[in-house]
Amino acid sequence: MVARNNLFAAPPYPVEQALIKVGNNLRQARIRRKQTIEEVAERIGTGVRAVRDAERGKPSTTVAVYAALLWSFNLLSPFEELADPLMDQEGLALAFAKENRRARKGAGLDNDF
């Protein structure tokens, strides 16, 4: 029996909605460029089903398919900025708080030999 990834079956609602939105955006980009699913699939080197799944926001679609579709529509640069450590306000705040802890004052050296 093959273990099933629960993330694919029931992703968190915000994740599901984000994937659907990205899929709709990709579909809109393809249509505006007057390209068929078949043409786009061939250009990125995948099958028609993978492109359809991405346009539907299917959670099991690999990130490589999404990235390749963005590349094919010349929209990859925003993708490259995802999770940029310099834009991670929470992570920066946590790192800053950790760095600013005061070091304990050492006991000092003694002359006992």
Protein backbone atom coordinates (compact mmCIF):
# COMPACT_ATOMS: atom_id res chain seq x y z
CA MET A 1 0.00 0.00 0.00
CA VAL A 2 1.39 3.41 -1.01
CA ALA A 3 1.34 6.17 1.60
CA ARG A 4 -0.63 9.16 0.47
CA ASN A 5 0.54 12.71 1.06
CA ASN A 6 -2.21 14.50 2.98
CA LEU A 7 -0.96 17.85 1.70
CA PHE A 8 -2.07 16.87 -1.80
CA ALA A 9 -5.48 15.68 -0.65
CA ALA A 10 -6.27 18.54 1.72
CA PRO A 11 -3.79 21.42 1.77
CA PRO A 12 -4.34 24.26 4.25
CA TYR A 13 -7.07 26.52 2.92
CA PRO A 14 -4.77 29.54 2.29
CA VAL A 15 -2.39 27.29 0.35
CA GLU A 16 -5.23 25.87 -1.71
CA GLN A 17 -6.53 29.34 -2.53
CA ALA A 18 -3.06 30.62 -3.45
CA LEU A 19 -2.50 27.69 -5.82
CA ILE A 20 -5.87 28.29 -7.47
CA LYS A 21 -5.06 31.98 -7.90
CA VAL A 22 -1.62 31.24 -9.38
CA GLY A 23 -3.20 28.66 -11.69
CA ASN A 24 -5.79 31.17 -12.87
CA ASN A 25 -3.06 33.75 -13.41
CA LEU A 26 -1.04 31.29 -15.48
CA ARG A 27 -4.08 30.43 -17.57
CA GLN A 28 -4.77 34.14 -18.14
CA ALA A 29 -1.14 34.68 -19.19
CA ARG A 30 -1.33 31.79 -21.66
CA ILE A 31 -4.61 32.99 -23.15
CA ARG A 32 -3.37 36.58 -23.50
CA ARG A 33 -0.42 35.24 -25.46
CA LYS A 34 -2.79 33.23 -27.64
CA GLN A 35 -0.97 29.99 -26.87
CA THR A 36 -2.56 26.59 -26.57
CA ILE A 37 -1.91 24.24 -23.68
CA GLU A 38 -0.20 21.92 -26.16
CA GLU A 39 2.18 24.67 -27.34
CA VAL A 40 3.11 25.66 -23.79
CA ALA A 41 3.58 22.05 -22.70
CA GLU A 42 5.93 21.42 -25.61
CA ARG A 43 7.88 24.59 -24.93
CA ILE A 44 8.54 23.71 -21.29
CA GLY A 45 9.10 20.03 -22.01
CA THR A 46 6.20 18.48 -20.16
CA GLY A 47 2.83 16.98 -20.91
CA VAL A 48 -0.50 18.67 -21.46
CA ARG A 49 -1.83 17.19 -18.23
CA ALA A 50 0.86 18.92 -16.14
CA VAL A 51 -0.03 22.30 -17.65
CA ARG A 52 -3.75 21.69 -17.09
CA ASP A 53 -3.09 20.65 -13.50
CA ALA A 54 -1.02 23.79 -12.87
CA GLU A 55 -3.74 26.00 -14.34
CA ARG A 56 -6.23 24.33 -11.98
CA GLY A 57 -3.92 24.87 -9.01
CA LYS A 58 -3.61 21.18 -8.30
CA PRO A 59 -1.42 20.74 -5.19
CA SER A 60 0.47 17.74 -6.55
CA THR A 61 1.81 19.70 -9.52
CA THR A 62 5.55 20.13 -9.08
CA VAL A 63 7.07 23.51 -8.45
CA ALA A 64 9.21 22.89 -11.56
CA VAL A 65 6.07 23.00 -13.73
CA TYR A 66 4.94 26.28 -12.15
CA ALA A 67 8.43 27.78 -12.51
CA ALA A 68 8.73 26.63 -16.14
CA LEU A 69 5.33 28.12 -16.97
CA LEU A 70 6.36 31.41 -15.39
CA TRP A 71 9.58 31.29 -17.41
CA SER A 72 7.70 30.61 -20.63
CA PHE A 73 5.57 33.72 -20.04
CA ASN A 74 8.61 35.82 -19.03
CA LEU A 75 7.25 36.12 -15.47
CA LEU A 76 9.97 34.23 -13.59
CA SER A 77 11.64 37.18 -11.84
CA PRO A 78 8.98 37.59 -9.10
CA PHE A 79 9.23 33.83 -8.45
CA GLU A 80 12.96 34.14 -7.88
CA GLU A 81 12.27 36.62 -5.08
CA LEU A 82 10.06 34.25 -3.10
CA ALA A 83 11.33 33.63 0.42
CA ASP A 84 14.07 36.24 -0.02
CA PRO A 85 15.77 36.39 3.39
CA LEU A 86 16.00 40.18 3.13
CA MET A 87 12.22 40.45 2.69
CA ASP A 88 11.41 38.07 5.57
CA GLN A 89 10.37 40.59 8.21
CA GLU A 90 9.58 37.99 10.86
CA GLY A 91 12.81 36.10 10.26
CA LEU A 92 14.85 39.30 10.32
CA ALA A 93 13.21 40.37 13.60
CA LEU A 94 13.93 36.98 15.17
CA ALA A 95 17.54 37.02 13.98
CA PHE A 96 17.98 40.58 15.24
CA ALA A 97 16.54 39.69 18.65
CA LYS A 98 18.88 36.71 18.93
CA GLU A 99 21.94 38.74 17.93
CA ASN A 100 21.20 41.49 20.44
CA ARG A 101 21.24 39.32 23.54
CA ARG A 102 23.77 40.55 25.98
CA ALA A 103 26.67 38.32 26.62
CA ARG A 104 27.23 37.37 30.23
CA LYS A 105 30.02 39.11 31.92
CA GLY A 106 32.80 36.63 32.38
CA ALA A 107 34.08 35.69 35.80
CA GLY A 108 37.37 37.23 34.85
CA LEU A 109 40.82 35.84 35.26
CA ASP A 110 42.31 35.05 38.59
CA ASN A 111 45.90 34.78 39.58
CA ASP A 112 45.50 31.51 41.48
CA PHE A 113 47.98 29.00 40.14
